[in-house]
Amino acid sequence: MKGKKFDAQFLSDFIKGCIENGILASDDMANVAQKQINEIDDKIMEAERLKVLRGKLLDVISTFKAPTKNKVDPKILEFASIQNPNICKWICDLIKVRPCCVSDLIQMKTSYNADDLNFVIKQLRQHNIISSENNMFVRGEQFDQYMKFISGEE
């Protein structure tokens, strides 16, 4: 748990809920928590599979539909699915000025934890918004388009 914020209120509520459900042993409470984590992980994996399917379905639609003047770029729709937009914008604003590495980001902004930063970096890299060069994050192919999206220009 080194470096992670500890949510005492959540822990207290979780223990209270377990006790109300007749779960009194700490090992049993840990097992309940692990079961919930597994369920969440399964849902995340399902969401990832659905994202891939969604992209393929968008390809089908674009193949069969005639181009229209006001057609929304599928990339824009993908940008809307990116989580933690505040952290994404903060990282992109930094990279707009100069390349950064993960340790720079962690040292600059202590209100964002390392797990959130790593998750956001993974999303930005998956969408080609940022890329890596010599262990530094730089602008990716979709960087300018994403910056327009988050600034409300598109």
C-alpha atoms as a PDB file:
ATOM      1  CA  MET A   1       0.000   0.000   0.000  1.00  0.00           C
ATOM      2  CA  LYS A   2       3.095   2.213  -0.260  1.00  0.00           C
ATOM      3  CA  GLY A   3       2.185   5.569  -1.805  1.00  0.00           C
ATOM      4  CA  LYS A   4      -1.535   4.837  -2.037  1.00  0.00           C
ATOM      5  CA  LYS A   5      -4.149   6.921  -0.315  1.00  0.00           C
ATOM      6  CA  PHE A   6      -6.067   4.977   2.311  1.00  0.00           C
ATOM      7  CA  ASP A   7      -9.832   5.493   2.481  1.00  0.00           C
ATOM      8  CA  ALA A   8     -10.698   4.836   6.117  1.00  0.00           C
ATOM      9  CA  GLN A   9     -14.374   5.683   5.591  1.00  0.00           C
ATOM     10  CA  PHE A  10     -14.709   3.121   2.811  1.00  0.00           C
ATOM     11  CA  LEU A  11     -13.001   0.483   4.932  1.00  0.00           C
ATOM     12  CA  SER A  12     -15.300   1.257   7.859  1.00  0.00           C
ATOM     13  CA  ASP A  13     -18.397   1.055   5.642  1.00  0.00           C
ATOM     14  CA  PHE A  14     -17.164  -2.192   4.068  1.00  0.00           C
ATOM     15  CA  ILE A  15     -16.588  -3.815   7.468  1.00  0.00           C
ATOM     16  CA  LYS A  16     -19.985  -2.589   8.678  1.00  0.00           C
ATOM     17  CA  GLY A  17     -21.650  -4.090   5.582  1.00  0.00           C
ATOM     18  CA  CYS A  18     -19.874  -7.401   6.114  1.00  0.00           C
ATOM     19  CA  ILE A  19     -20.948  -7.546   9.755  1.00  0.00           C
ATOM     20  CA  GLU A  20     -24.550  -6.754   8.779  1.00  0.00           C
ATOM     21  CA  ASN A  21     -24.377  -9.722   6.384  1.00  0.00           C
ATOM     22  CA  GLY A  22     -23.034 -12.024   9.081  1.00  0.00           C
ATOM     23  CA  ILE A  23     -19.429 -12.010   7.880  1.00  0.00           C
ATOM     24  CA  LEU A  24     -17.322 -11.584  11.005  1.00  0.00           C
ATOM     25  CA  ALA A  25     -13.890 -13.092  10.268  1.00  0.00           C
ATOM     26  CA  SER A  26     -11.255 -10.873   8.679  1.00  0.00           C
ATOM     27  CA  ASP A  27     -10.292 -13.630   6.215  1.00  0.00           C
ATOM     28  CA  ASP A  28     -13.911 -13.880   5.088  1.00  0.00           C
ATOM     29  CA  MET A  29     -14.069 -10.099   4.642  1.00  0.00           C
ATOM     30  CA  ALA A  30     -10.900 -10.215   2.550  1.00  0.00           C
ATOM     31  CA  ASN A  31     -12.460 -13.006   0.455  1.00  0.00           C
ATOM     32  CA  VAL A  32     -15.575 -10.873  -0.125  1.00  0.00           C
ATOM     33  CA  ALA A  33     -13.356  -7.990  -1.237  1.00  0.00           C
ATOM     34  CA  GLN A  34     -11.366 -10.275  -3.552  1.00  0.00           C
ATOM     35  CA  LYS A  35     -14.584 -11.633  -5.060  1.00  0.00           C
ATOM     36  CA  GLN A  36     -15.754  -8.066  -5.766  1.00  0.00           C
ATOM     37  CA  ILE A  37     -12.383  -7.220  -7.329  1.00  0.00           C
ATOM     38  CA  ASN A  38     -12.668 -10.279  -9.588  1.00  0.00           C
ATOM     39  CA  GLU A  39     -16.180  -9.221 -10.638  1.00  0.00           C
ATOM     40  CA  ILE A  40     -14.956  -5.698 -11.402  1.00  0.00           C
ATOM     41  CA  ASP A  41     -12.005  -7.066 -13.396  1.00  0.00           C
ATOM     42  CA  ASP A  42     -14.397  -9.261 -15.400  1.00  0.00           C
ATOM     43  CA  LYS A  43     -16.570  -6.234 -16.178  1.00  0.00           C
ATOM     44  CA  ILE A  44     -13.515  -4.213 -17.242  1.00  0.00           C
ATOM     45  CA  MET A  45     -12.406  -7.019 -19.564  1.00  0.00           C
ATOM     46  CA  GLU A  46     -15.924  -7.214 -21.015  1.00  0.00           C
ATOM     47  CA  ALA A  47     -15.913  -3.442 -21.568  1.00  0.00           C
ATOM     48  CA  GLU A  48     -12.584  -3.730 -23.415  1.00  0.00           C
ATOM     49  CA  ARG A  49     -14.029  -6.475 -25.648  1.00  0.00           C
ATOM     50  CA  LEU A  50     -17.090  -4.321 -26.317  1.00  0.00           C
ATOM     51  CA  LYS A  51     -14.850  -1.371 -27.240  1.00  0.00           C
ATOM     52  CA  VAL A  52     -13.166  -3.492 -29.892  1.00  0.00           C
ATOM     53  CA  LEU A  53     -16.542  -4.678 -31.185  1.00  0.00           C
ATOM     54  CA  ARG A  54     -17.849  -1.099 -31.200  1.00  0.00           C
ATOM     55  CA  GLY A  55     -14.934   0.014 -33.369  1.00  0.00           C
ATOM     56  CA  LYS A  56     -15.598  -2.781 -35.824  1.00  0.00           C
ATOM     57  CA  LEU A  57     -19.301  -1.923 -35.933  1.00  0.00           C
ATOM     58  CA  LEU A  58     -18.401   1.703 -36.677  1.00  0.00           C
ATOM     59  CA  ASP A  59     -16.343   0.394 -39.605  1.00  0.00           C
ATOM     60  CA  VAL A  60     -19.407  -1.494 -40.846  1.00  0.00           C
ATOM     61  CA  ILE A  61     -21.550   1.632 -40.621  1.00  0.00           C
ATOM     62  CA  SER A  62     -18.977   3.773 -42.411  1.00  0.00           C
ATOM     63  CA  THR A  63     -18.730   1.150 -45.168  1.00  0.00           C
ATOM     64  CA  PHE A  64     -22.466   1.117 -45.890  1.00  0.00           C
ATOM     65  CA  LYS A  65     -23.464   4.709 -45.214  1.00  0.00           C
ATOM     66  CA  ALA A  66     -22.876   7.447 -47.726  1.00  0.00           C
ATOM     67  CA  PRO A  67     -20.676  10.250 -46.455  1.00  0.00           C
ATOM     68  CA  THR A  68     -22.611  13.211 -45.109  1.00  0.00           C
ATOM     69  CA  LYS A  69     -21.608  16.777 -44.449  1.00  0.00           C
ATOM     70  CA  ASN A  70     -22.149  16.600 -40.676  1.00  0.00           C
ATOM     71  CA  LYS A  71     -20.747  13.131 -40.131  1.00  0.00           C
ATOM     72  CA  VAL A  72     -19.087  12.696 -36.731  1.00  0.00           C
ATOM     73  CA  ASP A  73     -15.568  11.292 -36.913  1.00  0.00           C
ATOM     74  CA  PRO A  74     -15.438   7.953 -35.041  1.00  0.00           C
ATOM     75  CA  LYS A  75     -12.186   9.108 -33.403  1.00  0.00           C
ATOM     76  CA  ILE A  76     -14.142  11.875 -31.685  1.00  0.00           C
ATOM     77  CA  LEU A  77     -16.548   9.287 -30.265  1.00  0.00           C
ATOM     78  CA  GLU A  78     -13.586   7.262 -29.034  1.00  0.00           C
ATOM     79  CA  PHE A  79     -12.181  10.352 -27.325  1.00  0.00           C
ATOM     80  CA  ALA A  80     -15.444  10.687 -25.399  1.00  0.00           C
ATOM     81  CA  SER A  81     -14.868   7.238 -23.876  1.00  0.00           C
ATOM     82  CA  ILE A  82     -11.525   8.234 -22.352  1.00  0.00           C
ATOM     83  CA  GLN A  83     -11.772   8.352 -18.567  1.00  0.00           C
ATOM     84  CA  ASN A  84     -10.327  11.009 -16.245  1.00  0.00           C
ATOM     85  CA  PRO A  85     -10.485  13.878 -18.774  1.00  0.00           C
ATOM     86  CA  ASN A  86      -9.044  16.358 -16.267  1.00  0.00           C
ATOM     87  CA  ILE A  87      -5.882  14.293 -15.851  1.00  0.00           C
ATOM     88  CA  CYS A  88      -5.716  13.716 -19.621  1.00  0.00           C
ATOM     89  CA  LYS A  89      -5.938  17.445 -20.298  1.00  0.00           C
ATOM     90  CA  TRP A  90      -3.321  18.179 -17.663  1.00  0.00           C
ATOM     91  CA  ILE A  91      -0.887  15.659 -19.191  1.00  0.00           C
ATOM     92  CA  CYS A  92      -1.549  16.886 -22.736  1.00  0.00           C
ATOM     93  CA  ASP A  93      -1.057  20.507 -21.692  1.00  0.00           C
ATOM     94  CA  LEU A  94       2.345  19.538 -20.263  1.00  0.00           C
ATOM     95  CA  ILE A  95       3.339  17.549 -23.348  1.00  0.00           C
ATOM     96  CA  LYS A  96       2.220  20.449 -25.533  1.00  0.00           C
ATOM     97  CA  VAL A  97       5.009  22.494 -23.926  1.00  0.00           C
ATOM     98  CA  ARG A  98       7.711  19.793 -23.746  1.00  0.00           C
ATOM     99  CA  PRO A  99       8.168  16.016 -23.627  1.00  0.00           C
ATOM    100  CA  CYS A 100       7.707  14.444 -20.161  1.00  0.00           C
ATOM    101  CA  CYS A 101       8.375  11.132 -18.479  1.00  0.00           C
ATOM    102  CA  VAL A 102       6.201   9.373 -15.869  1.00  0.00           C
ATOM    103  CA  SER A 103       8.397  10.412 -12.959  1.00  0.00           C
ATOM    104  CA  ASP A 104       8.115  14.074 -14.061  1.00  0.00           C
ATOM    105  CA  LEU A 105       4.334  13.784 -13.997  1.00  0.00           C
ATOM    106  CA  ILE A 106       4.264  12.109 -10.590  1.00  0.00           C
ATOM    107  CA  GLN A 107       6.576  14.710  -9.086  1.00  0.00           C
ATOM    108  CA  MET A 108       4.674  17.660 -10.576  1.00  0.00           C
ATOM    109  CA  LYS A 109       1.161  16.859  -9.434  1.00  0.00           C
ATOM    110  CA  THR A 110       0.768  15.107  -6.111  1.00  0.00           C
ATOM    111  CA  SER A 111      -3.041  15.329  -6.101  1.00  0.00           C
ATOM    112  CA  TYR A 112      -3.165  12.656  -8.834  1.00  0.00           C
ATOM    113  CA  ASN A 113      -1.968   9.263  -7.665  1.00  0.00           C
ATOM    114  CA  ALA A 114       0.453   7.156  -9.678  1.00  0.00           C
ATOM    115  CA  ASP A 115      -2.179   4.522 -10.525  1.00  0.00           C
ATOM    116  CA  ASP A 116      -4.489   7.156 -12.051  1.00  0.00           C
ATOM    117  CA  LEU A 117      -1.599   8.690 -13.999  1.00  0.00           C
ATOM    118  CA  ASN A 118      -0.502   5.298 -15.341  1.00  0.00           C
ATOM    119  CA  PHE A 119      -4.091   4.432 -16.340  1.00  0.00           C
ATOM    120  CA  VAL A 120      -4.530   7.749 -18.173  1.00  0.00           C
ATOM    121  CA  ILE A 121      -1.167   7.398 -19.917  1.00  0.00           C
ATOM    122  CA  LYS A 122      -2.211   3.930 -21.098  1.00  0.00           C
ATOM    123  CA  GLN A 123      -5.470   5.339 -22.515  1.00  0.00           C
ATOM    124  CA  LEU A 124      -3.722   8.252 -24.230  1.00  0.00           C
ATOM    125  CA  ARG A 125      -1.190   5.876 -25.789  1.00  0.00           C
ATOM    126  CA  GLN A 126      -3.926   3.446 -26.938  1.00  0.00           C
ATOM    127  CA  HIS A 127      -5.667   6.292 -28.765  1.00  0.00           C
ATOM    128  CA  ASN A 128      -2.369   7.536 -30.292  1.00  0.00           C
ATOM    129  CA  ILE A 129      -2.770  10.843 -28.506  1.00  0.00           C
ATOM    130  CA  ILE A 130       0.696  10.501 -27.013  1.00  0.00           C
ATOM    131  CA  SER A 131       3.594   8.241 -27.903  1.00  0.00           C
ATOM    132  CA  SER A 132       6.986   7.373 -26.434  1.00  0.00           C
ATOM    133  CA  GLU A 133      10.395   8.400 -27.679  1.00  0.00           C
ATOM    134  CA  ASN A 134      13.517   7.671 -25.620  1.00  0.00           C
ATOM    135  CA  ASN A 135      11.446   7.049 -22.434  1.00  0.00           C
ATOM    136  CA  MET A 136       9.710  10.403 -22.878  1.00  0.00           C
ATOM    137  CA  PHE A 137       6.074  11.032 -23.778  1.00  0.00           C
ATOM    138  CA  VAL A 138       5.574  13.193 -26.848  1.00  0.00           C
ATOM    139  CA  ARG A 139       2.682  14.203 -29.068  1.00  0.00           C
ATOM    140  CA  GLY A 140       1.075  11.304 -30.923  1.00  0.00           C
ATOM    141  CA  GLU A 141      -0.742  11.222 -34.266  1.00  0.00           C
ATOM    142  CA  GLN A 142      -4.091  12.157 -32.688  1.00  0.00           C
ATOM    143  CA  PHE A 143      -2.695  14.767 -30.268  1.00  0.00           C
ATOM    144  CA  ASP A 144      -3.921  17.876 -32.097  1.00  0.00           C
ATOM    145  CA  GLN A 145      -7.335  16.357 -32.787  1.00  0.00           C
ATOM    146  CA  TYR A 146      -7.715  15.381 -29.109  1.00  0.00           C
ATOM    147  CA  MET A 147      -6.662  18.848 -27.951  1.00  0.00           C
ATOM    148  CA  LYS A 148      -9.373  20.335 -30.183  1.00  0.00           C
ATOM    149  CA  PHE A 149     -11.858  17.835 -28.757  1.00  0.00           C
ATOM    150  CA  ILE A 150     -11.106  18.612 -25.102  1.00  0.00           C
ATOM    151  CA  SER A 151     -11.088  22.345 -25.744  1.00  0.00           C
ATOM    152  CA  GLY A 152     -14.560  22.079 -27.343  1.00  0.00           C
ATOM    153  CA  GLU A 153     -13.495  23.108 -30.852  1.00  0.00           C
ATOM    154  CA  GLU A 154     -14.937  19.909 -32.371  1.00  0.00           C
END
